[in-house]
Each structure stands twice: as C-alpha cells, then as structure tokens.
Amino acid sequence: TYLDEVHGVGLYGPRGAGVAARDNQMHRVDIVEGTL
C-alpha cells in the first residue's frame, strides 16, 4: 500500500499523523508519503 497523505498529515489523527492514524490504519500502510 502506498498512501499519499499530503492533504492529511499534520491535520488529522493523533499528533497530526494523518487520516490513516485517525482511522487506526497507519500500521497497515507500507509507504506513507507527505509534504512539509
């Protein structure tokens, strides 16, 4: 799984870890990509 969290990181989830973290799915994502 390759998840683009560009519009999610910093904005959602615990500590701003993204939508996958909000949905308790980050551990199932193999590659997360984001922007600074």
Full PDB file with SEQRES, HELIX, SHEET, SSBOND, CRYST1, ORIGX, SCALE, CONECT and MASTER records, all heavy atoms in Angstrom:
SEQRES   1 A   36  THR TYR LEU ASP GLU VAL HIS GLY VAL GLY LEU TYR GLY          
SEQRES   2 A   36  PRO ARG GLY ALA GLY VAL ALA ALA ARG ASP ASN GLN MET          
SEQRES   3 A   36  HIS ARG VAL ASP ILE VAL GLU GLY THR LEU                      
HELIX    1 AA1 PRO A   14  GLY A   16  5                                   3    
HELIX    2 AA2 VAL A   19  ARG A   22  1                                   4    
HELIX    3 AA3 MET A   26  ARG A   28  5                                   3    
SHEET    1 AA1 2 TYR A   2  ASP A   4  0                                        
SHEET    2 AA1 2 ILE A  31  GLU A  33  1                                        
CRYST1    1.000    1.000    1.000  90.00  90.00  90.00 P 1           1          
ORIGX1      1.000000  0.000000  0.000000        0.00000                         
ORIGX2      0.000000  1.000000  0.000000        0.00000                         
ORIGX3      0.000000  0.000000  1.000000        0.00000                         
SCALE1      1.000000  0.000000  0.000000        0.00000                         
SCALE2      0.000000  1.000000  0.000000        0.00000                         
SCALE3      0.000000  0.000000  1.000000        0.00000                         
ATOM      1  N   THR A   1       0.841  -1.194   0.000  1.00  0.00           N  
ATOM      2  CA  THR A   1       0.000   0.000   0.000  1.00  0.00           C  
ATOM      3  C   THR A   1       0.878   1.246   0.000  1.00  0.00           C  
ATOM      4  O   THR A   1       1.839   1.343   0.763  1.00  0.00           O  
ATOM      5  CB  THR A   1      -0.926   0.027   1.227  1.00  0.00           C  
ATOM      6  OG1 THR A   1      -0.164  -0.264   2.402  1.00  0.00           O  
ATOM      7  CG2 THR A   1      -2.041  -0.991   1.079  1.00  0.00           C  
ATOM      8  N   TYR A   2       0.523   2.188  -0.861  1.00  0.00           N  
ATOM      9  CA  TYR A   2       1.242   3.469  -0.982  1.00  0.00           C  
ATOM     10  C   TYR A   2       0.222   4.578  -0.781  1.00  0.00           C  
ATOM     11  O   TYR A   2      -0.662   4.794  -1.608  1.00  0.00           O  
ATOM     12  CB  TYR A   2       1.891   3.587  -2.362  1.00  0.00           C  
ATOM     13  CG  TYR A   2       2.745   4.830  -2.539  1.00  0.00           C  
ATOM     14  CD1 TYR A   2       4.117   4.770  -2.390  1.00  0.00           C  
ATOM     15  CD2 TYR A   2       2.172   6.064  -2.835  1.00  0.00           C  
ATOM     16  CE1 TYR A   2       4.913   5.902  -2.543  1.00  0.00           C  
ATOM     17  CE2 TYR A   2       2.949   7.201  -2.985  1.00  0.00           C  
ATOM     18  CZ  TYR A   2       4.319   7.117  -2.845  1.00  0.00           C  
ATOM     19  OH  TYR A   2       5.091   8.242  -2.984  1.00  0.00           O  
ATOM     20  N   LEU A   3       0.328   5.279   0.340  1.00  0.00           N  
ATOM     21  CA  LEU A   3      -0.673   6.278   0.713  1.00  0.00           C  
ATOM     22  C   LEU A   3      -0.095   7.679   0.665  1.00  0.00           C  
ATOM     23  O   LEU A   3       0.848   8.005   1.402  1.00  0.00           O  
ATOM     24  CB  LEU A   3      -1.207   5.989   2.116  1.00  0.00           C  
ATOM     25  CG  LEU A   3      -2.209   7.003   2.683  1.00  0.00           C  
ATOM     26  CD1 LEU A   3      -3.465   7.078   1.815  1.00  0.00           C  
ATOM     27  CD2 LEU A   3      -2.568   6.661   4.119  1.00  0.00           C  
ATOM     28  N   ASP A   4      -0.668   8.521  -0.161  1.00  0.00           N  
ATOM     29  CA  ASP A   4      -0.323   9.938  -0.228  1.00  0.00           C  
ATOM     30  C   ASP A   4      -1.142  10.670   0.831  1.00  0.00           C  
ATOM     31  O   ASP A   4      -2.360  10.795   0.711  1.00  0.00           O  
ATOM     32  CB  ASP A   4      -0.639  10.466  -1.637  1.00  0.00           C  
ATOM     33  CG  ASP A   4      -0.316  11.937  -1.821  1.00  0.00           C  
ATOM     34  OD1 ASP A   4      -0.560  12.721  -0.886  1.00  0.00           O  
ATOM     35  OD2 ASP A   4       0.133  12.321  -2.909  1.00  0.00           O  
ATOM     36  N   GLU A   5      -0.453  11.142   1.887  1.00  0.00           N  
ATOM     37  CA  GLU A   5      -1.108  11.868   2.989  1.00  0.00           C  
ATOM     38  C   GLU A   5      -0.821  13.370   2.909  1.00  0.00           C  
ATOM     39  O   GLU A   5      -0.868  14.066   3.938  1.00  0.00           O  
ATOM     40  CB  GLU A   5      -0.624  11.321   4.340  1.00  0.00           C  
ATOM     41  CG  GLU A   5      -1.310  10.037   4.776  1.00  0.00           C  
ATOM     42  CD  GLU A   5      -2.503  10.270   5.700  1.00  0.00           C  
ATOM     43  OE1 GLU A   5      -3.084  11.375   5.638  1.00  0.00           O  
ATOM     44  OE2 GLU A   5      -2.844   9.346   6.458  1.00  0.00           O  
ATOM     45  N   VAL A   6      -0.539  13.854   1.719  1.00  0.00           N  
ATOM     46  CA  VAL A   6      -0.157  15.256   1.545  1.00  0.00           C  
ATOM     47  C   VAL A   6      -1.176  16.209   2.166  1.00  0.00           C  
ATOM     48  O   VAL A   6      -0.805  17.203   2.809  1.00  0.00           O  
ATOM     49  CB  VAL A   6       0.064  15.556   0.047  1.00  0.00           C  
ATOM     50  CG1 VAL A   6      -0.010  17.043  -0.234  1.00  0.00           C  
ATOM     51  CG2 VAL A   6       1.409  15.002  -0.416  1.00  0.00           C  
ATOM     52  N   HIS A   7      -2.462  15.927   1.969  1.00  0.00           N  
ATOM     53  CA  HIS A   7      -3.500  16.817   2.493  1.00  0.00           C  
ATOM     54  C   HIS A   7      -4.081  16.302   3.807  1.00  0.00           C  
ATOM     55  O   HIS A   7      -5.124  16.782   4.251  1.00  0.00           O  
ATOM     56  CB  HIS A   7      -4.611  17.000   1.458  1.00  0.00           C  
ATOM     57  CG  HIS A   7      -4.150  17.676   0.213  1.00  0.00           C  
ATOM     58  ND1 HIS A   7      -4.095  19.045   0.085  1.00  0.00           N  
ATOM     59  CD2 HIS A   7      -3.686  17.165  -0.954  1.00  0.00           C  
ATOM     60  CE1 HIS A   7      -3.629  19.351  -1.123  1.00  0.00           C  
ATOM     61  NE2 HIS A   7      -3.377  18.230  -1.768  1.00  0.00           N  
ATOM     62  N   GLY A   8      -3.393  15.350   4.435  1.00  0.00           N  
ATOM     63  CA  GLY A   8      -3.858  14.810   5.710  1.00  0.00           C  
ATOM     64  C   GLY A   8      -2.872  14.963   6.839  1.00  0.00           C  
ATOM     65  O   GLY A   8      -3.250  15.192   7.992  1.00  0.00           O  
ATOM     66  N   VAL A   9      -1.578  14.870   6.515  1.00  0.00           N  
ATOM     67  CA  VAL A   9      -0.569  14.903   7.574  1.00  0.00           C  
ATOM     68  C   VAL A   9      -0.553  16.276   8.246  1.00  0.00           C  
ATOM     69  O   VAL A   9      -0.689  17.314   7.602  1.00  0.00           O  
ATOM     70  CB  VAL A   9       0.822  14.549   7.013  1.00  0.00           C  
ATOM     71  CG1 VAL A   9       1.344  15.627   6.082  1.00  0.00           C  
ATOM     72  CG2 VAL A   9       1.816  14.296   8.130  1.00  0.00           C  
ATOM     73  N   GLY A  10      -0.455  16.261   9.563  1.00  0.00           N  
ATOM     74  CA  GLY A  10      -0.493  17.487  10.354  1.00  0.00           C  
ATOM     75  C   GLY A  10      -1.889  17.947  10.689  1.00  0.00           C  
ATOM     76  O   GLY A  10      -2.090  18.711  11.643  1.00  0.00           O  
ATOM     77  N   LEU A  11      -2.881  17.461   9.916  1.00  0.00           N  
ATOM     78  CA  LEU A  11      -4.250  17.969  10.024  1.00  0.00           C  
ATOM     79  C   LEU A  11      -5.206  17.010  10.714  1.00  0.00           C  
ATOM     80  O   LEU A  11      -6.224  17.431  11.254  1.00  0.00           O  
ATOM     81  CB  LEU A  11      -4.793  18.277   8.621  1.00  0.00           C  
ATOM     82  CG  LEU A  11      -3.972  19.254   7.781  1.00  0.00           C  
ATOM     83  CD1 LEU A  11      -4.516  19.307   6.357  1.00  0.00           C  
ATOM     84  CD2 LEU A  11      -3.983  20.636   8.399  1.00  0.00           C  
ATOM     85  N   TYR A  12      -4.906  15.722  10.658  1.00  0.00           N  
ATOM     86  CA  TYR A  12      -5.805  14.702  11.202  1.00  0.00           C  
ATOM     87  C   TYR A  12      -4.999  13.717  12.038  1.00  0.00           C  
ATOM     88  O   TYR A  12      -3.790  13.574  11.877  1.00  0.00           O  
ATOM     89  CB  TYR A  12      -6.515  13.946  10.064  1.00  0.00           C  
ATOM     90  CG  TYR A  12      -7.396  14.823   9.209  1.00  0.00           C  
ATOM     91  CD1 TYR A  12      -6.897  15.440   8.061  1.00  0.00           C  
ATOM     92  CD2 TYR A  12      -8.727  15.046   9.537  1.00  0.00           C  
ATOM     93  CE1 TYR A  12      -7.698  16.250   7.277  1.00  0.00           C  
ATOM     94  CE2 TYR A  12      -9.537  15.852   8.761  1.00  0.00           C  
ATOM     95  CZ  TYR A  12      -9.018  16.459   7.631  1.00  0.00           C  
ATOM     96  OH  TYR A  12      -9.810  17.270   6.863  1.00  0.00           O  
ATOM     97  N   GLY A  13      -5.713  13.024  12.902  1.00  0.00           N  
ATOM     98  CA  GLY A  13      -5.100  11.951  13.662  1.00  0.00           C  
ATOM     99  C   GLY A  13      -4.335  12.418  14.878  1.00  0.00           C  
ATOM    100  O   GLY A  13      -4.023  13.604  15.031  1.00  0.00           O  
ATOM    101  N   PRO A  14      -4.007  11.461  15.769  1.00  0.00           N  
ATOM    102  CA  PRO A  14      -3.205  11.793  16.949  1.00  0.00           C  
ATOM    103  C   PRO A  14      -1.866  12.396  16.543  1.00  0.00           C  
ATOM    104  O   PRO A  14      -1.193  11.883  15.658  1.00  0.00           O  
ATOM    105  CB  PRO A  14      -3.012  10.422  17.627  1.00  0.00           C  
ATOM    106  CG  PRO A  14      -4.097   9.549  17.082  1.00  0.00           C  
ATOM    107  CD  PRO A  14      -4.359  10.036  15.699  1.00  0.00           C  
ATOM    108  N   ARG A  15      -1.512  13.515  17.155  1.00  0.00           N  
ATOM    109  CA  ARG A  15      -0.249  14.210  16.887  1.00  0.00           C  
ATOM    110  C   ARG A  15      -0.140  14.710  15.439  1.00  0.00           C  
ATOM    111  O   ARG A  15       0.938  15.076  14.992  1.00  0.00           O  
ATOM    112  CB  ARG A  15       0.957  13.330  17.217  1.00  0.00           C  
ATOM    113  CG  ARG A  15       0.968  12.744  18.621  1.00  0.00           C  
ATOM    114  CD  ARG A  15       2.295  12.094  18.940  1.00  0.00           C  
ATOM    115  NE  ARG A  15       2.647  11.058  17.966  1.00  0.00           N  
ATOM    116  CZ  ARG A  15       3.880  10.598  17.781  1.00  0.00           C  
ATOM    117  NH1 ARG A  15       4.880  11.072  18.500  1.00  0.00           N  
ATOM    118  NH2 ARG A  15       4.108   9.657  16.894  1.00  0.00           N  
ATOM    119  N   GLY A  16      -1.249  14.679  14.702  1.00  0.00           N  
ATOM    120  CA  GLY A  16      -1.202  15.106  13.304  1.00  0.00           C  
ATOM    121  C   GLY A  16      -0.578  14.081  12.386  1.00  0.00           C  
ATOM    122  O   GLY A  16      -0.035  14.424  11.333  1.00  0.00           O  
ATOM    123  N   ALA A  17      -0.662  12.806  12.752  1.00  0.00           N  
ATOM    124  CA  ALA A  17      -0.022  11.747  11.966  1.00  0.00           C  
ATOM    125  C   ALA A  17      -0.776  11.405  10.694  1.00  0.00           C  
ATOM    126  O   ALA A  17      -0.279  10.630   9.883  1.00  0.00           O  
ATOM    127  CB  ALA A  17       0.155  10.495  12.815  1.00  0.00           C  
ATOM    128  N   GLY A  18      -1.976  11.974  10.497  1.00  0.00           N  
ATOM    129  CA  GLY A  18      -2.683  11.787   9.245  1.00  0.00           C  
ATOM    130  C   GLY A  18      -3.995  11.038   9.398  1.00  0.00           C  
ATOM    131  O   GLY A  18      -4.355  10.565  10.484  1.00  0.00           O  
ATOM    132  N   VAL A  19      -4.690  10.907   8.268  1.00  0.00           N  
ATOM    133  CA  VAL A  19      -6.006  10.259   8.267  1.00  0.00           C  
ATOM    134  C   VAL A  19      -5.876   8.774   8.609  1.00  0.00           C  
ATOM    135  O   VAL A  19      -6.716   8.215   9.313  1.00  0.00           O  
ATOM    136  CB  VAL A  19      -6.691  10.446   6.900  1.00  0.00           C  
ATOM    137  CG1 VAL A  19      -8.062   9.767   6.887  1.00  0.00           C  
ATOM    138  CG2 VAL A  19      -6.846  11.927   6.573  1.00  0.00           C  
ATOM    139  N   ALA A  20      -4.829   8.129   8.104  1.00  0.00           N  
ATOM    140  CA  ALA A  20      -4.635   6.707   8.412  1.00  0.00           C  
ATOM    141  C   ALA A  20      -4.482   6.492   9.912  1.00  0.00           C  
ATOM    142  O   ALA A  20      -5.002   5.513  10.467  1.00  0.00           O  
ATOM    143  CB  ALA A  20      -3.428   6.162   7.662  1.00  0.00           C  
ATOM    144  N   ALA A  21      -3.781   7.391  10.581  1.00  0.00           N  
ATOM    145  CA  ALA A  21      -3.636   7.294  12.036  1.00  0.00           C  
ATOM    146  C   ALA A  21      -4.970   7.562  12.722  1.00  0.00           C  
ATOM    147  O   ALA A  21      -5.317   6.897  13.704  1.00  0.00           O  
ATOM    148  CB  ALA A  21      -2.571   8.270  12.519  1.00  0.00           C  
ATOM    149  N   ARG A  22      -5.715   8.539  12.211  1.00  0.00           N  
ATOM    150  CA  ARG A  22      -7.050   8.818  12.763  1.00  0.00           C  
ATOM    151  C   ARG A  22      -7.929   7.575  12.712  1.00  0.00           C  
ATOM    152  O   ARG A  22      -8.701   7.292  13.641  1.00  0.00           O  
ATOM    153  CB  ARG A  22      -7.710   9.953  11.972  1.00  0.00           C  
ATOM    154  CG  ARG A  22      -9.091  10.344  12.459  1.00  0.00           C  
ATOM    155  CD  ARG A  22      -9.871  11.107  11.387  1.00  0.00           C  
ATOM    156  NE  ARG A  22     -10.242  10.241  10.267  1.00  0.00           N  
ATOM    157  CZ  ARG A  22     -10.948  10.647   9.214  1.00  0.00           C  
ATOM    158  NH1 ARG A  22     -11.340  11.921   9.116  1.00  0.00           N  
ATOM    159  NH2 ARG A  22     -11.263   9.793   8.244  1.00  0.00           N  
ATOM    160  N   ASP A  23      -7.819   6.828  11.614  1.00  0.00           N  
ATOM    161  CA  ASP A  23      -8.650   5.642  11.399  1.00  0.00           C  
ATOM    162  C   ASP A  23      -8.010   4.357  11.930  1.00  0.00           C  
ATOM    163  O   ASP A  23      -8.488   3.255  11.630  1.00  0.00           O  
ATOM    164  CB  ASP A  23      -8.934   5.478   9.903  1.00  0.00           C  
ATOM    165  CG  ASP A  23      -9.742   6.642   9.327  1.00  0.00           C  
ATOM    166  OD1 ASP A  23     -10.302   7.428  10.121  1.00  0.00           O  
ATOM    167  OD2 ASP A  23      -9.809   6.758   8.096  1.00  0.00           O  
ATOM    168  N   ASN A  24      -6.910   4.491  12.676  1.00  0.00           N  
ATOM    169  CA  ASN A  24      -6.190   3.339  13.239  1.00  0.00           C  
ATOM    170  C   ASN A  24      -5.740   2.355  12.159  1.00  0.00           C  
ATOM    171  O   ASN A  24      -5.771   1.130  12.352  1.00  0.00           O  
ATOM    172  CB  ASN A  24      -7.063   2.612  14.276  1.00  0.00           C  
ATOM    173  CG  ASN A  24      -7.393   3.469  15.478  1.00  0.00           C  
ATOM    174  OD1 ASN A  24      -6.510   4.108  16.051  1.00  0.00           O  
ATOM    175  ND2 ASN A  24      -8.663   3.518  15.857  1.00  0.00           N  
ATOM    176  N   GLN A  25      -5.267   2.899  11.036  1.00  0.00           N  
ATOM    177  CA  GLN A  25      -4.828   2.058   9.922  1.00  0.00           C  
ATOM    178  C   GLN A  25      -3.363   2.292   9.532  1.00  0.00           C  
ATOM    179  O   GLN A  25      -2.868   1.645   8.611  1.00  0.00           O  
ATOM    180  CB  GLN A  25      -5.713   2.327   8.689  1.00  0.00           C  
ATOM    181  CG  GLN A  25      -7.184   2.035   8.886  1.00  0.00           C  
ATOM    182  CD  GLN A  25      -7.446   0.571   9.189  1.00  0.00           C  
ATOM    183  OE1 GLN A  25      -6.974  -0.317   8.494  1.00  0.00           O  
ATOM    184  NE2 GLN A  25      -8.203   0.316  10.250  1.00  0.00           N  
ATOM    185  N   MET A  26      -2.674   3.187  10.206  1.00  0.00           N  
ATOM    186  CA  MET A  26      -1.321   3.533   9.786  1.00  0.00           C  
ATOM    187  C   MET A  26      -0.383   2.324   9.806  1.00  0.00           C  
ATOM    188  O   MET A  26       0.501   2.195   8.944  1.00  0.00           O  
ATOM    189  CB  MET A  26      -0.759   4.654  10.667  1.00  0.00           C  
ATOM    190  CG  MET A  26       0.600   5.177  10.204  1.00  0.00           C  
ATOM    191  SD  MET A  26       0.585   5.890   8.536  1.00  0.00           S  
ATOM    192  CE  MET A  26      -0.154   7.494   8.852  1.00  0.00           C  
ATOM    193  N   HIS A  27      -0.580   1.418  10.759  1.00  0.00           N  
ATOM    194  CA  HIS A  27       0.287   0.239  10.844  1.00  0.00           C  
ATOM    195  C   HIS A  27       0.114  -0.692   9.655  1.00  0.00           C  
ATOM    196  O   HIS A  27       0.970  -1.546   9.390  1.00  0.00           O  
ATOM    197  CB  HIS A  27       0.006  -0.526  12.153  1.00  0.00           C  
ATOM    198  CG  HIS A  27      -1.389  -1.082  12.237  1.00  0.00           C  
ATOM    199  ND1 HIS A  27      -2.499  -0.281  12.451  1.00  0.00           N  
ATOM    200  CD2 HIS A  27      -1.862  -2.355  12.118  1.00  0.00           C  
ATOM    201  CE1 HIS A  27      -3.592  -1.030  12.489  1.00  0.00           C  
ATOM    202  NE2 HIS A  27      -3.233  -2.288  12.277  1.00  0.00           N  
ATOM    203  N   ARG A  28      -0.977  -0.529   8.911  1.00  0.00           N  
ATOM    204  CA  ARG A  28      -1.248  -1.387   7.750  1.00  0.00           C  
ATOM    205  C   ARG A  28      -0.751  -0.763   6.446  1.00  0.00           C  
ATOM    206  O   ARG A  28      -0.769  -1.431   5.406  1.00  0.00           O  
ATOM    207  CB  ARG A  28      -2.746  -1.667   7.655  1.00  0.00           C  
ATOM    208  CG  ARG A  28      -3.345  -2.284   8.899  1.00  0.00           C  
ATOM    209  CD  ARG A  28      -4.840  -2.449   8.767  1.00  0.00           C  
ATOM    210  NE  ARG A  28      -5.182  -3.538   7.860  1.00  0.00           N  
ATOM    211  CZ  ARG A  28      -6.414  -3.735   7.375  1.00  0.00           C  
ATOM    212  NH1 ARG A  28      -7.398  -2.884   7.697  1.00  0.00           N  
ATOM    213  NH2 ARG A  28      -6.669  -4.745   6.573  1.00  0.00           N  
ATOM    214  N   VAL A  29      -0.340   0.472   6.508  1.00  0.00           N  
ATOM    215  CA  VAL A  29       0.153   1.176   5.320  1.00  0.00           C  
ATOM    216  C   VAL A  29       1.656   0.934   5.201  1.00  0.00           C  
ATOM    217  O   VAL A  29       2.411   1.210   6.123  1.00  0.00           O  
ATOM    218  CB  VAL A  29      -0.148   2.685   5.412  1.00  0.00           C  
ATOM    219  CG1 VAL A  29       0.485   3.425   4.241  1.00  0.00           C  
ATOM    220  CG2 VAL A  29      -1.656   2.926   5.454  1.00  0.00           C  
ATOM    221  N   ASP A  30       2.083   0.433   4.037  1.00  0.00           N  
ATOM    222  CA  ASP A  30       3.502   0.117   3.854  1.00  0.00           C  
ATOM    223  C   ASP A  30       4.351   1.363   3.625  1.00  0.00           C  
ATOM    224  O   ASP A  30       5.447   1.485   4.175  1.00  0.00           O  
ATOM    225  CB  ASP A  30       3.671  -0.842   2.668  1.00  0.00           C  
ATOM    226  CG  ASP A  30       3.044  -2.193   2.936  1.00  0.00           C  
ATOM    227  OD1 ASP A  30       3.496  -2.875   3.867  1.00  0.00           O  
ATOM    228  OD2 ASP A  30       2.083  -2.554   2.228  1.00  0.00           O  
ATOM    229  N   ILE A  31       3.849   2.285   2.812  1.00  0.00           N  
ATOM    230  CA  ILE A  31       4.591   3.503   2.484  1.00  0.00           C  
ATOM    231  C   ILE A  31       3.640   4.683   2.622  1.00  0.00           C  
ATOM    232  O   ILE A  31       2.594   4.731   1.972  1.00  0.00           O  
ATOM    233  CB  ILE A  31       5.136   3.478   1.037  1.00  0.00           C  
ATOM    234  CG1 ILE A  31       5.907   2.183   0.776  1.00  0.00           C  
ATOM    235  CG2 ILE A  31       6.021   4.691   0.770  1.00  0.00           C  
ATOM    236  CD1 ILE A  31       6.017   1.835  -0.697  1.00  0.00           C  
ATOM    237  N   VAL A  32       3.993   5.626   3.477  1.00  0.00           N  
ATOM    238  CA  VAL A  32       3.220   6.858   3.588  1.00  0.00           C  
ATOM    239  C   VAL A  32       4.068   7.996   3.045  1.00  0.00           C  
ATOM    240  O   VAL A  32       5.263   8.093   3.321  1.00  0.00           O  
ATOM    241  CB  VAL A  32       2.773   7.125   5.046  1.00  0.00           C  
ATOM    242  CG1 VAL A  32       3.954   7.232   5.988  1.00  0.00           C  
ATOM    243  CG2 VAL A  32       1.919   8.390   5.127  1.00  0.00           C  
ATOM    244  N   GLU A  33       3.437   8.830   2.225  1.00  0.00           N  
ATOM    245  CA  GLU A  33       4.131   9.973   1.615  1.00  0.00           C  
ATOM    246  C   GLU A  33       3.451  11.245   2.084  1.00  0.00           C  
ATOM    247  O   GLU A  33       2.222  11.278   2.261  1.00  0.00           O  
ATOM    248  CB  GLU A  33       4.077   9.857   0.090  1.00  0.00           C  
ATOM    249  CG  GLU A  33       4.826  10.941  -0.663  1.00  0.00           C  
ATOM    250  CD  GLU A  33       3.971  12.159  -0.987  1.00  0.00           C  
ATOM    251  OE1 GLU A  33       2.731  12.061  -0.867  1.00  0.00           O  
ATOM    252  OE2 GLU A  33       4.542  13.214  -1.355  1.00  0.00           O  
ATOM    253  N   GLY A  34       4.253  12.274   2.330  1.00  0.00           N  
ATOM    254  CA  GLY A  34       3.679  13.521   2.816  1.00  0.00           C  
ATOM    255  C   GLY A  34       4.440  14.733   2.341  1.00  0.00           C  
ATOM    256  O   GLY A  34       5.470  14.627   1.667  1.00  0.00           O  
ATOM    257  N   THR A  35       3.924  15.879   2.709  1.00  0.00           N  
ATOM    258  CA  THR A  35       4.547  17.154   2.358  1.00  0.00           C  
ATOM    259  C   THR A  35       4.907  17.910   3.623  1.00  0.00           C  
ATOM    260  O   THR A  35       4.297  17.717   4.684  1.00  0.00           O  
ATOM    261  CB  THR A  35       3.613  18.010   1.496  1.00  0.00           C  
ATOM    262  OG1 THR A  35       4.271  19.224   1.154  1.00  0.00           O  
ATOM    263  CG2 THR A  35       2.331  18.361   2.244  1.00  0.00           C  
ATOM    264  N   LEU A  36       5.879  18.787   3.486  1.00  0.00           N  
ATOM    265  CA  LEU A  36       6.279  19.671   4.575  1.00  0.00           C  
ATOM    266  C   LEU A  36       5.828  21.098   4.293  1.00  0.00           C  
ATOM    267  O   LEU A  36       6.177  22.022   5.030  1.00  0.00           O  
ATOM    268  CB  LEU A  36       7.799  19.623   4.741  1.00  0.00           C  
ATOM    269  CG  LEU A  36       8.369  18.202   4.833  1.00  0.00           C  
ATOM    270  CD1 LEU A  36       9.890  18.219   4.810  1.00  0.00           C  
ATOM    271  CD2 LEU A  36       7.855  17.497   6.086  1.00  0.00           C  
TER     272      LEU A  36                                                      
MASTER        0    0    0    3    2    0    0    6  271    1    0    3          
END                                                                             
